[in-house]
Amino acid sequence: MFEAQPALIHGDRGDIPGIFLPRDSGLTRRTPPPLRVSVGATTRAGAESLGVAIGQTITMPKQYVRLAGTRATGRSFDDRMGCAALILALRRLDRAKLKHPVIFVFSVREEIGLEGAAAVARQLGTTVRRVHAIDTFVSADSPLELPNFAVAPLGAGAVARALDNSSITPPAYVDSLAQIARARNIALQIGTTNGGNDGSTFTPYGVVDVAMGWPLRYSHSPAEVIDLRDLVSLADLIRAVAEDW
């Protein structure tokens, strides 16, 4: 994910731009050669004149960039988009309409084993009626992917994650979620995808996991692409679930 991507060397006089060089690793079956960064210099003296020195740290810049229309690109939209949708829903939530307690959770350490969500599941256990994991829907909306699985076009609204590698949403709950979306005129897609979701940590306690998300193109890459209309749809759906369901 780093090769041929921008790099920043953090020097004493400020950041020095560079690029992660592609490695000749196409045919190797062993660990690929070390990652290298070029700053455009051809000699050690030239690199040092730019401020490069031994021991400096290197990172890849993470920058949110607006594209045409409502599209945007950047890194780590999974799950910055989910966090943004929860915050937007909280801002607009009408607490007078809540018929039961609603808990918003921002959990951590998902990619290394759903550890944050698992801690919450152990604490709440069987006291929860439903859980709604708010996560990425890894979409096949890409020119190079086959459109026979995980199709959820960008800009067509939030997605009900009816099935993934970690959980299955009962069809009656998918239908109920779709009915809530229609009642509020919220754009909603229904799809299946790979990967897992935090809500699956609740299912051993008998809790129904009704995962919801938003379509993401080029998932887990430095050039992820989103459509901001899907963010609005997801935030509206979260609010509707809290107030109406």
Protein backbone atom coordinates (compact mmCIF):
# COMPACT_ATOMS: atom_id res chain seq x y z
CA MET A 1 0.00 0.00 0.00
CA PHE A 2 3.00 2.31 0.34
CA GLU A 3 4.77 1.73 -2.96
CA ALA A 4 4.61 4.67 -5.40
CA GLN A 5 2.76 6.76 -2.80
CA PRO A 6 3.77 10.14 -1.30
CA ALA A 7 6.10 10.18 1.68
CA LEU A 8 7.05 12.77 4.29
CA ILE A 9 10.44 12.70 5.99
CA HIS A 10 10.23 14.58 9.26
CA GLY A 11 13.39 16.67 9.55
CA ASP A 12 14.59 19.29 12.00
CA ARG A 13 13.80 22.06 9.51
CA GLY A 14 10.39 20.74 8.58
CA ASP A 15 8.90 17.96 6.48
CA ILE A 16 10.73 16.86 3.35
CA PRO A 17 8.51 15.46 0.57
CA GLY A 18 9.44 12.22 -1.13
CA ILE A 19 7.97 9.10 -2.69
CA PHE A 20 8.00 5.45 -1.63
CA LEU A 21 9.83 3.60 -4.40
CA PRO A 22 8.22 0.51 -5.93
CA ARG A 23 10.06 -2.72 -5.09
CA ASP A 24 10.99 -5.53 -7.45
CA SER A 25 8.78 -7.99 -5.59
CA GLY A 26 6.54 -9.32 -8.35
CA LEU A 27 8.18 -12.73 -8.62
CA THR A 28 9.72 -13.18 -5.17
CA ARG A 29 8.33 -15.75 -2.76
CA ARG A 30 10.30 -14.42 0.17
CA THR A 31 10.08 -11.20 2.17
CA PRO A 32 10.36 -8.32 -0.31
CA PRO A 33 13.37 -5.98 -0.11
CA PRO A 34 13.28 -3.05 2.32
CA LEU A 35 11.06 -0.10 1.49
CA ARG A 36 12.95 2.93 0.19
CA VAL A 37 12.03 6.60 -0.15
CA SER A 38 13.40 8.96 -2.77
CA VAL A 39 13.62 12.72 -2.27
CA GLY A 40 14.95 13.31 -5.78
CA ALA A 41 18.61 13.42 -4.74
CA THR A 42 21.24 11.21 -6.38
CA THR A 43 23.97 11.60 -3.78
CA ARG A 44 24.22 11.56 0.01
CA ALA A 45 25.37 15.17 -0.02
CA GLY A 46 22.36 16.14 -2.09
CA ALA A 47 19.97 14.44 0.32
CA GLU A 48 21.67 16.02 3.34
CA SER A 49 21.39 19.46 1.72
CA LEU A 50 17.61 18.98 1.74
CA GLY A 51 17.69 18.25 5.46
CA VAL A 52 17.69 14.45 5.35
CA ALA A 53 19.57 12.76 8.21
CA ILE A 54 19.92 9.30 9.69
CA GLY A 55 17.25 8.41 12.24
CA GLN A 56 14.47 10.63 10.92
CA THR A 57 10.96 9.20 10.82
CA ILE A 58 8.91 8.80 7.66
CA THR A 59 5.14 8.75 7.26
CA MET A 60 2.62 8.85 4.45
CA PRO A 61 0.56 12.07 4.38
CA LYS A 62 -3.11 11.62 5.19
CA GLN A 63 -5.08 14.37 3.49
CA TYR A 64 -8.77 14.76 2.76
CA VAL A 65 -9.24 16.05 -0.80
CA ARG A 66 -12.52 17.06 -2.43
CA LEU A 67 -13.04 15.75 -5.93
CA ALA A 68 -15.70 16.66 -8.49
CA GLY A 69 -19.23 17.05 -7.21
CA THR A 70 -19.83 15.25 -3.93
CA ARG A 71 -16.88 12.87 -4.18
CA ALA A 72 -13.79 12.97 -1.97
CA THR A 73 -10.61 10.94 -1.55
CA GLY A 74 -8.22 10.28 1.28
CA ARG A 75 -7.04 7.62 3.70
CA SER A 76 -8.75 5.88 6.62
CA PHE A 77 -12.33 6.69 5.65
CA ASP A 78 -12.85 3.29 7.26
CA ASP A 79 -14.06 4.23 9.74
CA ARG A 80 -13.79 8.02 9.88
CA MET A 81 -16.99 8.09 7.82
CA GLY A 82 -18.74 5.95 10.41
CA CYS A 83 -17.63 8.26 13.21
CA ALA A 84 -18.80 11.31 11.24
CA ALA A 85 -22.21 9.71 10.62
CA LEU A 86 -22.66 8.98 14.34
CA ILE A 87 -21.73 12.56 15.26
CA LEU A 88 -24.12 14.02 12.67
CA ALA A 89 -26.91 11.78 13.94
CA LEU A 90 -26.25 12.82 17.54
CA ARG A 91 -26.36 16.50 16.59
CA ARG A 92 -29.78 16.10 14.98
CA LEU A 93 -31.28 13.53 17.34
CA ASP A 94 -34.65 14.45 18.87
CA ARG A 95 -34.36 12.93 22.34
CA ALA A 96 -38.06 13.49 22.98
CA LYS A 97 -38.81 10.83 20.36
CA LEU A 98 -36.72 8.10 21.97
CA LYS A 99 -38.88 5.25 23.26
CA HIS A 100 -36.00 3.34 24.88
CA PRO A 101 -32.33 3.89 25.80
CA VAL A 102 -30.04 4.34 22.79
CA ILE A 103 -26.29 3.92 23.26
CA PHE A 104 -23.75 5.35 20.82
CA VAL A 105 -20.40 3.56 20.96
CA PHE A 106 -17.11 4.61 19.37
CA SER A 107 -15.02 1.45 19.69
CA VAL A 108 -11.33 0.92 18.92
CA ARG A 109 -8.96 -1.86 17.84
CA GLU A 110 -11.35 -3.29 15.27
CA GLU A 111 -8.78 -4.40 12.72
CA ILE A 112 -6.81 -6.48 15.24
CA GLY A 113 -9.77 -8.47 16.52
CA LEU A 114 -12.82 -6.29 17.31
CA GLU A 115 -11.33 -5.80 20.78
CA GLY A 116 -13.10 -2.56 21.70
CA ALA A 117 -16.49 -3.84 20.59
CA ALA A 118 -15.91 -7.14 22.38
CA ALA A 119 -15.30 -5.26 25.64
CA VAL A 120 -18.60 -3.41 25.23
CA ALA A 121 -20.42 -6.66 24.40
CA ARG A 122 -19.09 -8.29 27.57
CA GLN A 123 -20.29 -5.31 29.61
CA LEU A 124 -23.78 -5.00 28.11
CA GLY A 125 -24.34 -8.67 27.35
CA THR A 126 -27.98 -9.70 26.98
CA THR A 127 -29.36 -6.30 28.05
CA VAL A 128 -29.22 -5.10 24.44
CA ARG A 129 -32.08 -5.81 22.04
CA ARG A 130 -30.31 -4.87 18.79
CA VAL A 131 -26.87 -3.68 17.78
CA HIS A 132 -26.16 -1.64 14.67
CA ALA A 133 -22.52 -1.79 13.60
CA ILE A 134 -21.74 1.36 11.60
CA ASP A 135 -18.99 0.33 9.25
CA THR A 136 -17.72 0.44 5.71
CA PHE A 137 -19.44 -1.52 2.97
CA VAL A 138 -16.51 -2.66 0.84
CA SER A 139 -18.04 -2.06 -2.57
CA ALA A 140 -17.27 -3.49 -5.99
CA ASP A 141 -18.03 -0.05 -7.45
CA SER A 142 -14.69 0.07 -9.25
CA PRO A 143 -13.77 -0.14 -12.95
CA LEU A 144 -11.54 -3.20 -12.37
CA GLU A 145 -13.89 -5.29 -10.20
CA LEU A 146 -16.55 -7.74 -11.29
CA PRO A 147 -20.06 -6.40 -10.55
CA ASN A 148 -21.45 -9.75 -9.36
CA PHE A 149 -20.74 -9.30 -5.65
CA ALA A 150 -20.68 -6.41 -3.17
CA VAL A 151 -22.23 -4.00 -5.62
CA ALA A 152 -23.32 -0.80 -3.92
CA PRO A 153 -22.70 2.21 -6.15
CA LEU A 154 -21.25 5.33 -4.60
CA GLY A 155 -23.80 8.10 -4.25
CA ALA A 156 -26.82 5.77 -4.08
CA GLY A 157 -27.15 6.00 -0.30
CA ALA A 158 -26.39 4.07 2.86
CA VAL A 159 -26.16 0.28 2.78
CA ALA A 160 -27.80 -2.40 4.90
CA ARG A 161 -25.02 -4.96 5.40
CA ALA A 162 -27.34 -7.93 5.13
CA LEU A 163 -24.48 -10.45 5.05
CA ASP A 164 -20.73 -10.44 5.57
CA ASN A 165 -18.11 -12.88 6.82
CA SER A 166 -19.00 -12.32 10.48
CA SER A 167 -22.77 -12.04 10.71
CA ILE A 168 -26.10 -12.46 8.93
CA THR A 169 -28.95 -10.01 9.48
CA PRO A 170 -32.31 -11.83 9.69
CA PRO A 171 -34.35 -10.93 6.57
CA ALA A 172 -37.24 -9.58 8.67
CA TYR A 173 -34.90 -7.03 10.22
CA VAL A 174 -33.54 -6.03 6.82
CA ASP A 175 -37.12 -5.49 5.64
CA SER A 176 -37.94 -3.46 8.76
CA LEU A 177 -34.87 -1.27 8.24
CA ALA A 178 -35.85 -0.68 4.62
CA GLN A 179 -39.37 0.29 5.73
CA ILE A 180 -37.96 2.87 8.16
CA ALA A 181 -35.78 4.30 5.38
CA ARG A 182 -38.73 4.55 2.98
CA ALA A 183 -40.88 6.28 5.60
CA ARG A 184 -38.30 9.06 5.89
CA ASN A 185 -37.32 9.07 2.20
CA ILE A 186 -33.76 7.99 3.00
CA ALA A 187 -31.71 6.43 0.20
CA LEU A 188 -30.85 2.85 1.20
CA GLN A 189 -29.15 -0.01 -0.59
CA ILE A 190 -29.09 -3.64 0.53
CA GLY A 191 -26.04 -5.74 -0.12
CA THR A 192 -23.57 -8.44 0.88
CA THR A 193 -19.84 -7.99 1.22
CA ASN A 194 -16.67 -9.49 2.67
CA GLY A 195 -15.08 -8.58 5.98
CA GLY A 196 -16.62 -8.41 9.43
CA ASN A 197 -18.28 -5.86 11.68
CA ASP A 198 -18.11 -4.87 15.34
CA GLY A 199 -21.71 -5.87 15.98
CA SER A 200 -20.85 -9.55 15.51
CA THR A 201 -19.31 -9.54 19.01
CA PHE A 202 -22.85 -9.20 20.41
CA THR A 203 -24.41 -12.15 18.58
CA PRO A 204 -23.12 -14.82 21.03
CA TYR A 205 -25.30 -13.08 23.65
CA GLY A 206 -28.39 -13.49 21.48
CA VAL A 207 -28.37 -9.89 20.22
CA VAL A 208 -29.47 -9.28 16.62
CA ASP A 209 -26.80 -7.52 14.56
CA VAL A 210 -28.32 -5.16 11.97
CA ALA A 211 -25.16 -3.72 10.44
CA MET A 212 -25.34 -0.52 8.40
CA GLY A 213 -22.71 1.18 6.33
CA TRP A 214 -21.78 3.25 3.34
CA PRO A 215 -20.11 2.21 0.05
CA LEU A 216 -16.36 2.67 -0.20
CA ARG A 217 -14.23 2.39 -3.32
CA TYR A 218 -10.60 1.21 -3.11
CA SER A 219 -10.94 0.13 0.52
CA HIS A 220 -7.82 0.09 2.74
CA SER A 221 -5.74 2.00 0.20
CA PRO A 222 -4.25 5.51 0.33
CA ALA A 223 -6.74 6.62 -2.32
CA GLU A 224 -10.12 5.59 -0.92
CA VAL A 225 -13.08 7.32 -2.60
CA ILE A 226 -16.39 8.26 -0.98
CA ASP A 227 -19.53 10.14 -1.90
CA LEU A 228 -20.69 12.61 0.74
CA ARG A 229 -24.33 11.95 -0.14
CA ASP A 230 -23.88 8.49 1.36
CA LEU A 231 -22.63 10.06 4.59
CA VAL A 232 -25.79 12.15 4.85
CA SER A 233 -27.99 9.12 4.12
CA LEU A 234 -26.24 7.05 6.78
CA ALA A 235 -26.52 9.79 9.41
CA ASP A 236 -30.22 10.20 8.63
CA LEU A 237 -30.71 6.43 8.86
CA ILE A 238 -28.98 6.21 12.23
CA ARG A 239 -31.22 8.98 13.55
CA ALA A 240 -34.33 7.29 12.15
CA VAL A 241 -33.41 3.95 13.75
CA ALA A 242 -32.91 5.65 17.13
CA GLU A 243 -36.15 7.63 16.98
CA ASP A 244 -38.53 5.26 15.17
CA TRP A 245 -37.42 1.66 15.73
